[in-house]
Amino acid sequence: MLAQAGSDLAHVVRLTYYTTDVDALLGVWPLIGQRLADNRPASTLLGVSRLAFPEMLVEIEATALVP
């Protein structure tokens, strides 16, 4: 969706992670850090009891500034 808006990951200024398993997400946090190596946006991690689709474990909301 970022590309469709004429933007990319470098323009993301905020990420919000919703997860049903905080420990599991923190277990892969180094991989997330590698993916965001060139851009470290402000982030929030929230543990929730379930997501809109029960089979999902993580939902990520991103805010980007489109040039």
C-alpha atoms as a PDB file:
ATOM      1  CA  MET A   1       0.000   0.000   0.000  1.00  0.00           C
ATOM      2  CA  LEU A   2       2.887   2.360   0.619  1.00  0.00           C
ATOM      3  CA  ALA A   3       4.056   2.019  -2.984  1.00  0.00           C
ATOM      4  CA  GLN A   4       0.537   2.693  -4.260  1.00  0.00           C
ATOM      5  CA  ALA A   5       0.605   5.986  -2.346  1.00  0.00           C
ATOM      6  CA  GLY A   6       3.990   6.947  -3.783  1.00  0.00           C
ATOM      7  CA  SER A   7       5.806   6.192  -0.540  1.00  0.00           C
ATOM      8  CA  ASP A   8       7.938   3.419   0.965  1.00  0.00           C
ATOM      9  CA  LEU A   9       9.124   2.040   4.287  1.00  0.00           C
ATOM     10  CA  ALA A  10      11.599   4.913   4.663  1.00  0.00           C
ATOM     11  CA  HIS A  11       8.664   7.308   5.059  1.00  0.00           C
ATOM     12  CA  VAL A  12       6.970   5.427   7.912  1.00  0.00           C
ATOM     13  CA  VAL A  13       6.948   7.635  11.024  1.00  0.00           C
ATOM     14  CA  ARG A  14       4.911   5.470  13.402  1.00  0.00           C
ATOM     15  CA  LEU A  15       4.128   1.766  13.839  1.00  0.00           C
ATOM     16  CA  THR A  16       1.600   0.216  16.188  1.00  0.00           C
ATOM     17  CA  TYR A  17       1.823  -3.534  16.761  1.00  0.00           C
ATOM     18  CA  TYR A  18      -1.195  -5.407  18.134  1.00  0.00           C
ATOM     19  CA  THR A  19      -0.485  -8.998  19.120  1.00  0.00           C
ATOM     20  CA  THR A  20      -2.159 -11.839  20.937  1.00  0.00           C
ATOM     21  CA  ASP A  21       1.269 -13.152  22.022  1.00  0.00           C
ATOM     22  CA  VAL A  22       3.678 -10.440  23.175  1.00  0.00           C
ATOM     23  CA  ASP A  23       6.409 -12.950  24.058  1.00  0.00           C
ATOM     24  CA  ALA A  24       6.335 -14.500  20.576  1.00  0.00           C
ATOM     25  CA  LEU A  25       6.531 -11.097  18.898  1.00  0.00           C
ATOM     26  CA  LEU A  26       9.421 -10.054  21.120  1.00  0.00           C
ATOM     27  CA  GLY A  27      11.121 -13.304  20.125  1.00  0.00           C
ATOM     28  CA  VAL A  28      11.301 -12.117  16.510  1.00  0.00           C
ATOM     29  CA  TRP A  29      11.934  -8.477  17.397  1.00  0.00           C
ATOM     30  CA  PRO A  30      15.530  -8.634  16.040  1.00  0.00           C
ATOM     31  CA  LEU A  31      14.115  -9.564  12.611  1.00  0.00           C
ATOM     32  CA  ILE A  32      11.770  -6.601  12.722  1.00  0.00           C
ATOM     33  CA  GLY A  33      14.722  -4.399  13.660  1.00  0.00           C
ATOM     34  CA  GLN A  34      16.687  -5.690  10.666  1.00  0.00           C
ATOM     35  CA  ARG A  35      13.803  -4.905   8.331  1.00  0.00           C
ATOM     36  CA  LEU A  36      13.589  -1.376   9.730  1.00  0.00           C
ATOM     37  CA  ALA A  37      17.370  -0.863   9.936  1.00  0.00           C
ATOM     38  CA  ASP A  38      17.344   2.343   7.896  1.00  0.00           C
ATOM     39  CA  ASN A  39      14.273   3.804   9.595  1.00  0.00           C
ATOM     40  CA  ARG A  40      13.360   3.459  13.273  1.00  0.00           C
ATOM     41  CA  PRO A  41       9.888   5.003  13.559  1.00  0.00           C
ATOM     42  CA  ALA A  42       8.141   5.632  16.852  1.00  0.00           C
ATOM     43  CA  SER A  43       6.480   2.373  17.877  1.00  0.00           C
ATOM     44  CA  THR A  44       3.881   1.032  20.273  1.00  0.00           C
ATOM     45  CA  LEU A  45       3.389  -2.636  21.150  1.00  0.00           C
ATOM     46  CA  LEU A  46       0.022  -3.663  22.581  1.00  0.00           C
ATOM     47  CA  GLY A  47      -0.984  -7.088  23.838  1.00  0.00           C
ATOM     48  CA  VAL A  48      -4.619  -7.853  23.056  1.00  0.00           C
ATOM     49  CA  SER A  49      -6.892 -10.802  23.793  1.00  0.00           C
ATOM     50  CA  ARG A  50      -7.778 -11.275  20.110  1.00  0.00           C
ATOM     51  CA  LEU A  51      -7.710  -9.566  16.749  1.00  0.00           C
ATOM     52  CA  ALA A  52     -10.518  -9.066  14.239  1.00  0.00           C
ATOM     53  CA  PHE A  53      -9.590 -12.347  12.561  1.00  0.00           C
ATOM     54  CA  PRO A  54      -8.980 -14.911  15.336  1.00  0.00           C
ATOM     55  CA  GLU A  55      -6.404 -16.846  13.282  1.00  0.00           C
ATOM     56  CA  MET A  56      -4.148 -13.783  13.091  1.00  0.00           C
ATOM     57  CA  LEU A  57      -1.413 -13.286  15.703  1.00  0.00           C
ATOM     58  CA  VAL A  58      -0.174  -9.808  14.780  1.00  0.00           C
ATOM     59  CA  GLU A  59      -1.669  -6.693  13.239  1.00  0.00           C
ATOM     60  CA  ILE A  60       0.561  -3.768  12.302  1.00  0.00           C
ATOM     61  CA  GLU A  61      -0.726  -0.245  11.764  1.00  0.00           C
ATOM     62  CA  ALA A  62       1.645   2.149   9.989  1.00  0.00           C
ATOM     63  CA  THR A  63       1.569   5.910   9.544  1.00  0.00           C
ATOM     64  CA  ALA A  64       3.678   7.301   6.726  1.00  0.00           C
ATOM     65  CA  LEU A  65       4.379  10.754   5.388  1.00  0.00           C
ATOM     66  CA  VAL A  66       3.911  10.677   1.644  1.00  0.00           C
ATOM     67  CA  PRO A  67       6.374  12.961  -0.172  1.00  0.00           C
END
